[in-house]
PDB file of N, CA and C in Angstrom:
ATOM      1  N   UNK A   1      68.106  89.945  74.247  1.00  0.00           N
ATOM      2  CA  UNK A   1      66.783  90.317  74.684  1.00  0.00           C
ATOM      3  C   UNK A   1      66.191  89.220  75.553  1.00  0.00           C
ATOM      4  N   UNK A   2      65.364  89.594  76.474  1.00  0.00           N
ATOM      5  CA  UNK A   2      64.645  88.663  77.332  1.00  0.00           C
ATOM      6  C   UNK A   2      63.164  88.806  76.985  1.00  0.00           C
ATOM      7  N   UNK A   3      62.491  87.674  76.770  1.00  0.00           N
ATOM      8  CA  UNK A   3      61.095  87.727  76.363  1.00  0.00           C
ATOM      9  C   UNK A   3      60.225  86.854  77.266  1.00  0.00           C
ATOM     10  N   UNK A   4      58.952  87.149  77.230  1.00  0.00           N
ATOM     11  CA  UNK A   4      57.942  86.342  77.911  1.00  0.00           C
ATOM     12  C   UNK A   4      57.101  85.637  76.857  1.00  0.00           C
ATOM     13  N   UNK A   5      56.662  84.437  77.160  1.00  0.00           N
ATOM     14  CA  UNK A   5      55.674  83.794  76.303  1.00  0.00           C
ATOM     15  C   UNK A   5      54.319  84.440  76.594  1.00  0.00           C
ATOM     16  N   UNK A   6      53.353  84.168  75.734  1.00  0.00           N
ATOM     17  CA  UNK A   6      52.002  84.696  75.963  1.00  0.00           C
ATOM     18  C   UNK A   6      51.452  84.248  77.312  1.00  0.00           C
ATOM     19  N   UNK A   7      51.658  82.971  77.649  1.00  0.00           N
ATOM     20  CA  UNK A   7      51.114  82.457  78.907  1.00  0.00           C
ATOM     21  C   UNK A   7      51.790  83.100  80.118  1.00  0.00           C
ATOM     22  N   UNK A   8      53.097  83.352  80.030  1.00  0.00           N
ATOM     23  CA  UNK A   8      53.799  84.014  81.142  1.00  0.00           C
ATOM     24  C   UNK A   8      53.311  85.451  81.307  1.00  0.00           C
ATOM     25  N   UNK A   9      53.152  86.152  80.198  1.00  0.00           N
ATOM     26  CA  UNK A   9      52.687  87.537  80.259  1.00  0.00           C
ATOM     27  C   UNK A   9      51.277  87.617  80.853  1.00  0.00           C
ATOM     28  N   UNK A  10      50.388  86.733  80.428  1.00  0.00           N
ATOM     29  CA  UNK A  10      49.020  86.726  80.960  1.00  0.00           C
ATOM     30  C   UNK A  10      49.015  86.479  82.470  1.00  0.00           C
ATOM     31  N   UNK A  11      49.820  85.519  82.910  1.00  0.00           N
ATOM     32  CA  UNK A  11      49.874  85.196  84.336  1.00  0.00           C
ATOM     33  C   UNK A  11      50.431  86.374  85.136  1.00  0.00           C
ATOM     34  N   UNK A  12      51.518  86.978  84.642  1.00  0.00           N
ATOM     35  CA  UNK A  12      52.119  88.118  85.347  1.00  0.00           C
ATOM     36  C   UNK A  12      51.143  89.282  85.401  1.00  0.00           C
ATOM     37  N   UNK A  13      50.484  89.585  84.290  1.00  0.00           N
ATOM     38  CA  UNK A  13      49.517  90.684  84.277  1.00  0.00           C
ATOM     39  C   UNK A  13      48.403  90.454  85.289  1.00  0.00           C
ATOM     40  N   UNK A  14      47.911  89.227  85.382  1.00  0.00           N
ATOM     41  CA  UNK A  14      46.829  88.947  86.333  1.00  0.00           C
ATOM     42  C   UNK A  14      47.318  89.090  87.773  1.00  0.00           C
ATOM     43  N   UNK A  15      48.549  88.689  88.037  1.00  0.00           N
ATOM     44  CA  UNK A  15      49.096  88.814  89.390  1.00  0.00           C
ATOM     45  C   UNK A  15      49.464  90.258  89.736  1.00  0.00           C
ATOM     46  N   UNK A  16      49.888  91.036  88.738  1.00  0.00           N
ATOM     47  CA  UNK A  16      50.245  92.439  88.989  1.00  0.00           C
ATOM     48  C   UNK A  16      49.045  93.278  89.407  1.00  0.00           C
ATOM     49  N   UNK A  17      47.833  92.852  89.039  1.00  0.00           N
ATOM     50  CA  UNK A  17      46.640  93.596  89.428  1.00  0.00           C
ATOM     51  C   UNK A  17      46.499  93.691  90.938  1.00  0.00           C
ATOM     52  N   UNK A  18      47.046  92.711  91.641  1.00  0.00           N
ATOM     53  CA  UNK A  18      46.951  92.654  93.097  1.00  0.00           C
ATOM     54  C   UNK A  18      48.161  93.280  93.793  1.00  0.00           C
ATOM     55  N   UNK A  19      49.131  93.777  93.018  1.00  0.00           N
ATOM     56  CA  UNK A  19      50.393  94.259  93.576  1.00  0.00           C
ATOM     57  C   UNK A  19      50.543  95.762  93.368  1.00  0.00           C
ATOM     58  N   UNK A  20      51.441  96.371  94.122  1.00  0.00           N
ATOM     59  CA  UNK A  20      51.761  97.787  93.926  1.00  0.00           C
ATOM     60  C   UNK A  20      52.987  97.960  93.025  1.00  0.00           C
ATOM     61  N   UNK A  21      53.673  96.858  92.686  1.00  0.00           N
ATOM     62  CA  UNK A  21      54.849  96.930  91.836  1.00  0.00           C
ATOM     63  C   UNK A  21      54.427  97.141  90.378  1.00  0.00           C
ATOM     64  N   UNK A  22      55.386  97.617  89.571  1.00  0.00           N
ATOM     65  CA  UNK A  22      55.085  97.976  88.184  1.00  0.00           C
ATOM     66  C   UNK A  22      55.569  96.945  87.163  1.00  0.00           C
ATOM     67  N   UNK A  23      56.240  95.891  87.612  1.00  0.00           N
ATOM     68  CA  UNK A  23      56.744  94.873  86.699  1.00  0.00           C
ATOM     69  C   UNK A  23      57.373  93.730  87.458  1.00  0.00           C
ATOM     70  N   UNK A  24      58.182  92.958  86.741  1.00  0.00           N
ATOM     71  CA  UNK A  24      58.885  91.841  87.369  1.00  0.00           C
ATOM     72  C   UNK A  24      60.387  92.010  87.195  1.00  0.00           C
ATOM     73  N   UNK A  25      61.118  91.512  88.173  1.00  0.00           N
ATOM     74  CA  UNK A  25      62.577  91.520  88.127  1.00  0.00           C
ATOM     75  C   UNK A  25      63.058  90.109  87.834  1.00  0.00           C
ATOM     76  N   UNK A  26      63.817  89.978  86.748  1.00  0.00           N
ATOM     77  CA  UNK A  26      64.466  88.715  86.414  1.00  0.00           C
ATOM     78  C   UNK A  26      65.930  88.872  86.803  1.00  0.00           C
ATOM     79  N   UNK A  27      66.441  87.909  87.553  1.00  0.00           N
ATOM     80  CA  UNK A  27      67.815  88.024  88.044  1.00  0.00           C
ATOM     81  C   UNK A  27      68.453  86.650  88.164  1.00  0.00           C
ATOM     82  N   UNK A  28      69.755  86.685  88.334  1.00  0.00           N
ATOM     83  CA  UNK A  28      70.558  85.488  88.538  1.00  0.00           C
ATOM     84  C   UNK A  28      71.363  85.707  89.813  1.00  0.00           C
ATOM     85  N   UNK A  29      71.456  84.674  90.621  1.00  0.00           N
ATOM     86  CA  UNK A  29      72.313  84.758  91.808  1.00  0.00           C
ATOM     87  C   UNK A  29      73.079  83.455  91.952  1.00  0.00           C
ATOM     88  N   UNK A  30      74.189  83.518  92.636  1.00  0.00           N
ATOM     89  CA  UNK A  30      74.986  82.322  92.867  1.00  0.00           C
ATOM     90  C   UNK A  30      74.257  81.354  93.762  1.00  0.00           C
ATOM     91  N   UNK A  31      74.445  80.054  93.501  1.00  0.00           N
ATOM     92  CA  UNK A  31      73.832  79.038  94.342  1.00  0.00           C
ATOM     93  C   UNK A  31      73.215  77.936  93.511  1.00  0.00           C
ATOM     94  N   UNK A  32      72.562  77.040  94.169  1.00  0.00           N
ATOM     95  CA  UNK A  32      71.940  75.914  93.485  1.00  0.00           C
ATOM     96  C   UNK A  32      72.963  74.836  93.177  1.00  0.00           C
ATOM     97  N   UNK A  33      72.501  73.709  92.724  1.00  0.00           N
ATOM     98  CA  UNK A  33      73.392  72.576  92.494  1.00  0.00           C
ATOM     99  C   UNK A  33      74.223  72.717  91.228  1.00  0.00           C
ATOM    100  N   UNK A  34      73.863  73.664  90.333  1.00  0.00           N
ATOM    101  CA  UNK A  34      74.635  73.842  89.103  1.00  0.00           C
ATOM    102  C   UNK A  34      75.444  75.137  89.075  1.00  0.00           C
ATOM    103  N   UNK A  35      75.328  75.974  90.090  1.00  0.00           N
ATOM    104  CA  UNK A  35      76.147  77.173  90.169  1.00  0.00           C
ATOM    105  C   UNK A  35      75.389  78.481  90.249  1.00  0.00           C
ATOM    106  N   UNK A  36      74.307  78.630  89.477  1.00  0.00           N
ATOM    107  CA  UNK A  36      73.495  79.844  89.481  1.00  0.00           C
ATOM    108  C   UNK A  36      72.026  79.467  89.594  1.00  0.00           C
ATOM    109  N   UNK A  37      71.244  80.354  90.201  1.00  0.00           N
ATOM    110  CA  UNK A  37      69.806  80.140  90.268  1.00  0.00           C
ATOM    111  C   UNK A  37      69.093  81.352  89.670  1.00  0.00           C
ATOM    112  N   UNK A  38      67.904  81.095  89.148  1.00  0.00           N
ATOM    113  CA  UNK A  38      67.072  82.157  88.590  1.00  0.00           C
ATOM    114  C   UNK A  38      66.197  82.752  89.681  1.00  0.00           C
ATOM    115  N   UNK A  39      65.908  84.037  89.535  1.00  0.00           N
ATOM    116  CA  UNK A  39      64.959  84.705  90.417  1.00  0.00           C
ATOM    117  C   UNK A  39      63.958  85.461  89.559  1.00  0.00           C
ATOM    118  N   UNK A  40      62.717  85.429  89.950  1.00  0.00           N
ATOM    119  CA  UNK A  40      61.679  86.221  89.312  1.00  0.00           C
ATOM    120  C   UNK A  40      60.783  86.722  90.425  1.00  0.00           C
ATOM    121  N   UNK A  41      60.685  88.037  90.553  1.00  0.00           N
ATOM    122  CA  UNK A  41      59.851  88.601  91.620  1.00  0.00           C
ATOM    123  C   UNK A  41      59.238  89.906  91.144  1.00  0.00           C
ATOM    124  N   UNK A  42      58.153  90.297  91.779  1.00  0.00           N
ATOM    125  CA  UNK A  42      57.510  91.563  91.471  1.00  0.00           C
ATOM    126  C   UNK A  42      58.360  92.682  92.053  1.00  0.00           C
ATOM    127  N   UNK A  43      58.545  93.752  91.274  1.00  0.00           N
ATOM    128  CA  UNK A  43      59.435  94.817  91.723  1.00  0.00           C
ATOM    129  C   UNK A  43      59.154  96.083  90.932  1.00  0.00           C
ATOM    130  N   UNK A  44      59.826  97.149  91.326  1.00  0.00           N
ATOM    131  CA  UNK A  44      59.808  98.418  90.616  1.00  0.00           C
ATOM    132  C   UNK A  44      61.195  98.676  90.036  1.00  0.00           C
ATOM    133  N   UNK A  45      61.272  99.557  89.084  1.00  0.00           N
ATOM    134  CA  UNK A  45      62.531  99.839  88.400  1.00  0.00           C
ATOM    135  C   UNK A  45      63.540 100.493  89.330  1.00  0.00           C
ATOM    136  N   UNK A  46      64.791 100.046  89.218  1.00  0.00           N
ATOM    137  CA  UNK A  46      65.926 100.657  89.901  1.00  0.00           C
ATOM    138  C   UNK A  46      66.675 101.488  88.864  1.00  0.00           C
ATOM    139  N   UNK A  47      67.454 102.455  89.301  1.00  0.00           N
ATOM    140  CA  UNK A  47      68.109 103.377  88.369  1.00  0.00           C
ATOM    141  C   UNK A  47      69.077 102.690  87.408  1.00  0.00           C
ATOM    142  N   UNK A  48      69.711 101.607  87.805  1.00  0.00           N
ATOM    143  CA  UNK A  48      70.698 100.938  86.949  1.00  0.00           C
ATOM    144  C   UNK A  48      70.096  99.821  86.089  1.00  0.00           C
ATOM    145  N   UNK A  49      68.817  99.558  86.246  1.00  0.00           N
ATOM    146  CA  UNK A  49      68.175  98.442  85.535  1.00  0.00           C
ATOM    147  C   UNK A  49      68.086  98.666  84.035  1.00  0.00           C
ATOM    148  N   UNK A  50      68.173  97.569  83.306  1.00  0.00           N
ATOM    149  CA  UNK A  50      67.750  97.543  81.917  1.00  0.00           C
ATOM    150  C   UNK A  50      66.259  97.217  81.977  1.00  0.00           C
ATOM    151  N   UNK A  51      65.469  97.949  81.210  1.00  0.00           N
ATOM    152  CA  UNK A  51      64.021  97.735  81.197  1.00  0.00           C
ATOM    153  C   UNK A  51      63.653  97.162  79.840  1.00  0.00           C
ATOM    154  N   UNK A  52      63.023  96.002  79.869  1.00  0.00           N
ATOM    155  CA  UNK A  52      62.597  95.325  78.658  1.00  0.00           C
ATOM    156  C   UNK A  52      61.084  95.151  78.753  1.00  0.00           C
ATOM    157  N   UNK A  53      60.403  95.486  77.680  1.00  0.00           N
ATOM    158  CA  UNK A  53      58.957  95.306  77.636  1.00  0.00           C
ATOM    159  C   UNK A  53      58.657  94.111  76.747  1.00  0.00           C
ATOM    160  N   UNK A  54      57.866  93.185  77.271  1.00  0.00           N
ATOM    161  CA  UNK A  54      57.466  92.016  76.503  1.00  0.00           C
ATOM    162  C   UNK A  54      55.984  91.758  76.746  1.00  0.00           C
ATOM    163  N   UNK A  55      55.193  91.779  75.702  1.00  0.00           N
ATOM    164  CA  UNK A  55      53.741  91.547  75.777  1.00  0.00           C
ATOM    165  C   UNK A  55      53.071  92.462  76.798  1.00  0.00           C
ATOM    166  N   UNK A  56      53.557  93.707  76.896  1.00  0.00           N
ATOM    167  CA  UNK A  56      52.950  94.673  77.806  1.00  0.00           C
ATOM    168  C   UNK A  56      53.400  94.568  79.248  1.00  0.00           C
ATOM    169  N   UNK A  57      54.422  93.771  79.530  1.00  0.00           N
ATOM    170  CA  UNK A  57      54.943  93.611  80.892  1.00  0.00           C
ATOM    171  C   UNK A  57      56.364  94.171  80.944  1.00  0.00           C
ATOM    172  N   UNK A  58      56.640  94.995  81.949  1.00  0.00           N
ATOM    173  CA  UNK A  58      57.999  95.495  82.155  1.00  0.00           C
ATOM    174  C   UNK A  58      58.827  94.449  82.896  1.00  0.00           C
ATOM    175  N   UNK A  59      59.999  94.140  82.324  1.00  0.00           N
ATOM    176  CA  UNK A  59      60.948  93.231  82.954  1.00  0.00           C
ATOM    177  C   UNK A  59      62.164  94.062  83.335  1.00  0.00           C
ATOM    178  N   UNK A  60      62.523  94.066  84.617  1.00  0.00           N
ATOM    179  CA  UNK A  60      63.674  94.815  85.109  1.00  0.00           C
ATOM    180  C   UNK A  60      64.821  93.844  85.344  1.00  0.00           C
ATOM    181  N   UNK A  61      66.001  94.192  84.825  1.00  0.00           N
ATOM    182  CA  UNK A  61      67.157  93.309  84.939  1.00  0.00           C
ATOM    183  C   UNK A  61      68.378  94.147  85.297  1.00  0.00           C
ATOM    184  N   UNK A  62      69.101  93.756  86.354  1.00  0.00           N
ATOM    185  CA  UNK A  62      70.337  94.450  86.688  1.00  0.00           C
ATOM    186  C   UNK A  62      71.393  94.104  85.635  1.00  0.00           C
ATOM    187  N   UNK A  63      72.391  94.978  85.427  1.00  0.00           N
ATOM    188  CA  UNK A  63      73.371  94.767  84.353  1.00  0.00           C
ATOM    189  C   UNK A  63      74.116  93.431  84.420  1.00  0.00           C
ATOM    190  N   UNK A  64      74.464  92.957  85.607  1.00  0.00           N
ATOM    191  CA  UNK A  64      75.192  91.691  85.730  1.00  0.00           C
ATOM    192  C   UNK A  64      74.306  90.508  85.322  1.00  0.00           C
ATOM    193  N   UNK A  65      73.073  90.491  85.811  1.00  0.00           N
ATOM    194  CA  UNK A  65      72.151  89.406  85.464  1.00  0.00           C
ATOM    195  C   UNK A  65      71.838  89.412  83.976  1.00  0.00           C
ATOM    196  N   UNK A  66      71.777  90.610  83.380  1.00  0.00           N
ATOM    197  CA  UNK A  66      71.460  90.711  81.961  1.00  0.00           C
ATOM    198  C   UNK A  66      72.445  89.908  81.111  1.00  0.00           C
ATOM    199  N   UNK A  67      73.719  89.912  81.495  1.00  0.00           N
ATOM    200  CA  UNK A  67      74.737  89.160  80.747  1.00  0.00           C
ATOM    201  C   UNK A  67      74.425  87.668  80.713  1.00  0.00           C
ATOM    202  N   UNK A  68      73.886  87.130  81.800  1.00  0.00           N
ATOM    203  CA  UNK A  68      73.558  85.707  81.882  1.00  0.00           C
ATOM    204  C   UNK A  68      72.202  85.369  81.255  1.00  0.00           C
ATOM    205  N   UNK A  69      71.328  86.370  81.173  1.00  0.00           N
ATOM    206  CA  UNK A  69      69.957  86.117  80.737  1.00  0.00           C
ATOM    207  C   UNK A  69      69.660  86.534  79.296  1.00  0.00           C
ATOM    208  N   UNK A  70      70.627  87.105  78.601  1.00  0.00           N
ATOM    209  CA  UNK A  70      70.384  87.525  77.215  1.00  0.00           C
ATOM    210  C   UNK A  70      69.900  86.334  76.392  1.00  0.00           C
ATOM    211  N   UNK A  71      68.810  86.531  75.680  1.00  0.00           N
ATOM    212  CA  UNK A  71      68.247  85.481  74.841  1.00  0.00           C
ATOM    213  C   UNK A  71      67.287  84.551  75.559  1.00  0.00           C
ATOM    214  N   UNK A  72      67.077  84.766  76.842  1.00  0.00           N
ATOM    215  CA  UNK A  72      66.222  83.892  77.640  1.00  0.00           C
ATOM    216  C   UNK A  72      64.744  84.167  77.378  1.00  0.00           C
ATOM    217  N   UNK A  73      63.976  83.092  77.346  1.00  0.00           N
ATOM    218  CA  UNK A  73      62.523  83.186  77.268  1.00  0.00           C
ATOM    219  C   UNK A  73      61.960  82.678  78.585  1.00  0.00           C
ATOM    220  N   UNK A  74      61.031  83.432  79.144  1.00  0.00           N
ATOM    221  CA  UNK A  74      60.385  83.033  80.388  1.00  0.00           C
ATOM    222  C   UNK A  74      58.978  82.564  80.046  1.00  0.00           C
ATOM    223  N   UNK A  75      58.676  81.349  80.455  1.00  0.00           N
ATOM    224  CA  UNK A  75      57.394  80.728  80.155  1.00  0.00           C
ATOM    225  C   UNK A  75      56.649  80.462  81.460  1.00  0.00           C
ATOM    226  N   UNK A  76      55.336  80.315  81.372  1.00  0.00           N
ATOM    227  CA  UNK A  76      54.552  79.872  82.525  1.00  0.00           C
ATOM    228  C   UNK A  76      53.959  78.517  82.188  1.00  0.00           C
ATOM    229  N   UNK A  77      54.244  77.543  83.029  1.00  0.00           N
ATOM    230  CA  UNK A  77      53.793  76.170  82.823  1.00  0.00           C
ATOM    231  C   UNK A  77      52.778  75.833  83.909  1.00  0.00           C
ATOM    232  N   UNK A  78      51.656  75.263  83.508  1.00  0.00           N
ATOM    233  CA  UNK A  78      50.647  74.829  84.465  1.00  0.00           C
ATOM    234  C   UNK A  78      50.208  73.427  84.056  1.00  0.00           C
ATOM    235  N   UNK A  79      50.963  72.449  84.533  1.00  0.00           N
ATOM    236  CA  UNK A  79      50.725  71.050  84.190  1.00  0.00           C
ATOM    237  C   UNK A  79      50.563  70.235  85.459  1.00  0.00           C
ATOM    238  N   UNK A  80      50.208  68.999  85.296  1.00  0.00           N
ATOM    239  CA  UNK A  80      50.008  68.109  86.426  1.00  0.00           C
ATOM    240  C   UNK A  80      51.283  67.975  87.269  1.00  0.00           C
ATOM    241  N   UNK A  81      52.430  67.827  86.618  1.00  0.00           N
ATOM    242  CA  UNK A  81      53.695  67.605  87.325  1.00  0.00           C
ATOM    243  C   UNK A  81      54.335  68.874  87.850  1.00  0.00           C
ATOM    244  N   UNK A  82      54.048  70.003  87.210  1.00  0.00           N
ATOM    245  CA  UNK A  82      54.694  71.244  87.624  1.00  0.00           C
ATOM    246  C   UNK A  82      53.831  72.441  87.271  1.00  0.00           C
ATOM    247  N   UNK A  83      53.978  73.485  88.054  1.00  0.00           N
ATOM    248  CA  UNK A  83      53.291  74.735  87.798  1.00  0.00           C
ATOM    249  C   UNK A  83      54.199  75.864  88.229  1.00  0.00           C
ATOM    250  N   UNK A  84      54.425  76.819  87.341  1.00  0.00           N
ATOM    251  CA  UNK A  84      55.254  77.955  87.686  1.00  0.00           C
ATOM    252  C   UNK A  84      55.972  78.508  86.477  1.00  0.00           C
ATOM    253  N   UNK A  85      56.857  79.453  86.735  1.00  0.00           N
ATOM    254  CA  UNK A  85      57.607  80.097  85.670  1.00  0.00           C
ATOM    255  C   UNK A  85      58.860  79.291  85.360  1.00  0.00           C
ATOM    256  N   UNK A  86      59.145  79.186  84.069  1.00  0.00           N
ATOM    257  CA  UNK A  86      60.260  78.378  83.599  1.00  0.00           C
ATOM    258  C   UNK A  86      61.159  79.243  82.721  1.00  0.00           C
ATOM    259  N   UNK A  87      62.451  79.254  83.015  1.00  0.00           N
ATOM    260  CA  UNK A  87      63.427  80.002  82.231  1.00  0.00           C
ATOM    261  C   UNK A  87      64.012  79.074  81.169  1.00  0.00           C
ATOM    262  N   UNK A  88      63.946  79.489  79.919  1.00  0.00           N
ATOM    263  CA  UNK A  88      64.558  78.754  78.812  1.00  0.00           C
ATOM    264  C   UNK A  88      65.739  79.606  78.357  1.00  0.00           C
ATOM    265  N   UNK A  89      66.931  79.237  78.837  1.00  0.00           N
ATOM    266  CA  UNK A  89      68.130  80.047  78.654  1.00  0.00           C
ATOM    267  C   UNK A  89      69.085  79.369  77.673  1.00  0.00           C
ATOM    268  N   UNK A  90      69.299  79.954  76.484  1.00  0.00           N
ATOM    269  CA  UNK A  90      70.200  79.342  75.515  1.00  0.00           C
ATOM    270  C   UNK A  90      71.671  79.402  75.939  1.00  0.00           C
ATOM    271  N   UNK A  91      71.997  80.215  76.938  1.00  0.00           N
ATOM    272  CA  UNK A  91      73.376  80.344  77.410  1.00  0.00           C
ATOM    273  C   UNK A  91      73.753  79.265  78.420  1.00  0.00           C
ATOM    274  N   UNK A  92      72.775  78.586  78.980  1.00  0.00           N
ATOM    275  CA  UNK A  92      73.029  77.572  80.011  1.00  0.00           C
ATOM    276  C   UNK A  92      73.670  76.341  79.372  1.00  0.00           C
ATOM    277  N   UNK A  93      74.824  75.964  79.872  1.00  0.00           N
ATOM    278  CA  UNK A  93      75.524  74.778  79.378  1.00  0.00           C
ATOM    279  C   UNK A  93      75.046  73.514  80.087  1.00  0.00           C
ATOM    280  N   UNK A  94      74.581  73.692  81.321  1.00  0.00           N
ATOM    281  CA  UNK A  94      74.126  72.558  82.116  1.00  0.00           C
ATOM    282  C   UNK A  94      73.047  73.057  83.071  1.00  0.00           C
ATOM    283  N   UNK A  95      72.020  72.262  83.263  1.00  0.00           N
ATOM    284  CA  UNK A  95      70.974  72.602  84.228  1.00  0.00           C
ATOM    285  C   UNK A  95      70.786  71.430  85.183  1.00  0.00           C
ATOM    286  N   UNK A  96      70.224  71.716  86.331  1.00  0.00           N
ATOM    287  CA  UNK A  96      69.937  70.640  87.279  1.00  0.00           C
ATOM    288  C   UNK A  96      68.633  69.965  86.874  1.00  0.00           C
ATOM    289  N   UNK A  97      68.314  68.883  87.507  1.00  0.00           N
ATOM    290  CA  UNK A  97      67.114  68.116  87.168  1.00  0.00           C
ATOM    291  C   UNK A  97      65.821  68.877  87.367  1.00  0.00           C
ATOM    292  N   UNK A  98      65.777  69.778  88.337  1.00  0.00           N
ATOM    293  CA  UNK A  98      64.535  70.510  88.597  1.00  0.00           C
ATOM    294  C   UNK A  98      64.419  71.769  87.748  1.00  0.00           C
ATOM    295  N   UNK A  99      65.504  72.172  87.074  1.00  0.00           N
ATOM    296  CA  UNK A  99      65.458  73.358  86.227  1.00  0.00           C
ATOM    297  C   UNK A  99      65.608  74.658  86.970  1.00  0.00           C
ATOM    298  N   UNK A 100      65.889  74.594  88.263  1.00  0.00           N
ATOM    299  CA  UNK A 100      66.012  75.801  89.081  1.00  0.00           C
ATOM    300  C   UNK A 100      67.394  76.416  89.014  1.00  0.00           C
ATOM    301  N   UNK A 101      68.413  75.651  88.646  1.00  0.00           N
ATOM    302  CA  UNK A 101      69.756  76.209  88.587  1.00  0.00           C
ATOM    303  C   UNK A 101      70.445  75.793  87.297  1.00  0.00           C
ATOM    304  N   UNK A 102      71.529  76.534  86.985  1.00  0.00           N
ATOM    305  CA  UNK A 102      72.225  76.299  85.720  1.00  0.00           C
ATOM    306  C   UNK A 102      73.683  76.719  85.853  1.00  0.00           C
ATOM    307  N   UNK A 103      74.484  76.350  84.871  1.00  0.00           N
ATOM    308  CA  UNK A 103      75.866  76.806  84.795  1.00  0.00           C
ATOM    309  C   UNK A 103      76.118  77.311  83.385  1.00  0.00           C
ATOM    310  N   UNK A 104      77.105  78.189  83.284  1.00  0.00           N
ATOM    311  CA  UNK A 104      77.467  78.790  81.984  1.00  0.00           C
ATOM    312  C   UNK A 104      78.771  78.183  81.503  1.00  0.00           C
TER     313      UNK A 104
END
């Protein structure tokens, strides 16, 4: 399962008010210094997507990305040093220093 923290859900809900999309897409793509990078963007459901609801937010995940993201928690951090969405992935064996990429 993929979940959102309360702070991530609140932030996404507030941003969705300004969008025509119905949820967010969590995905993984090749690249980055550790092999894979995370993607999070506003989107609508595709026919092959797994749809996960967390704190009232629809999360759309393609089947391939779902394999890499199972068990992941998405958080929203708003601190002096960083601000944005953070993926906490228990499947990641190694991450880069900025947290943007990972390897399995």
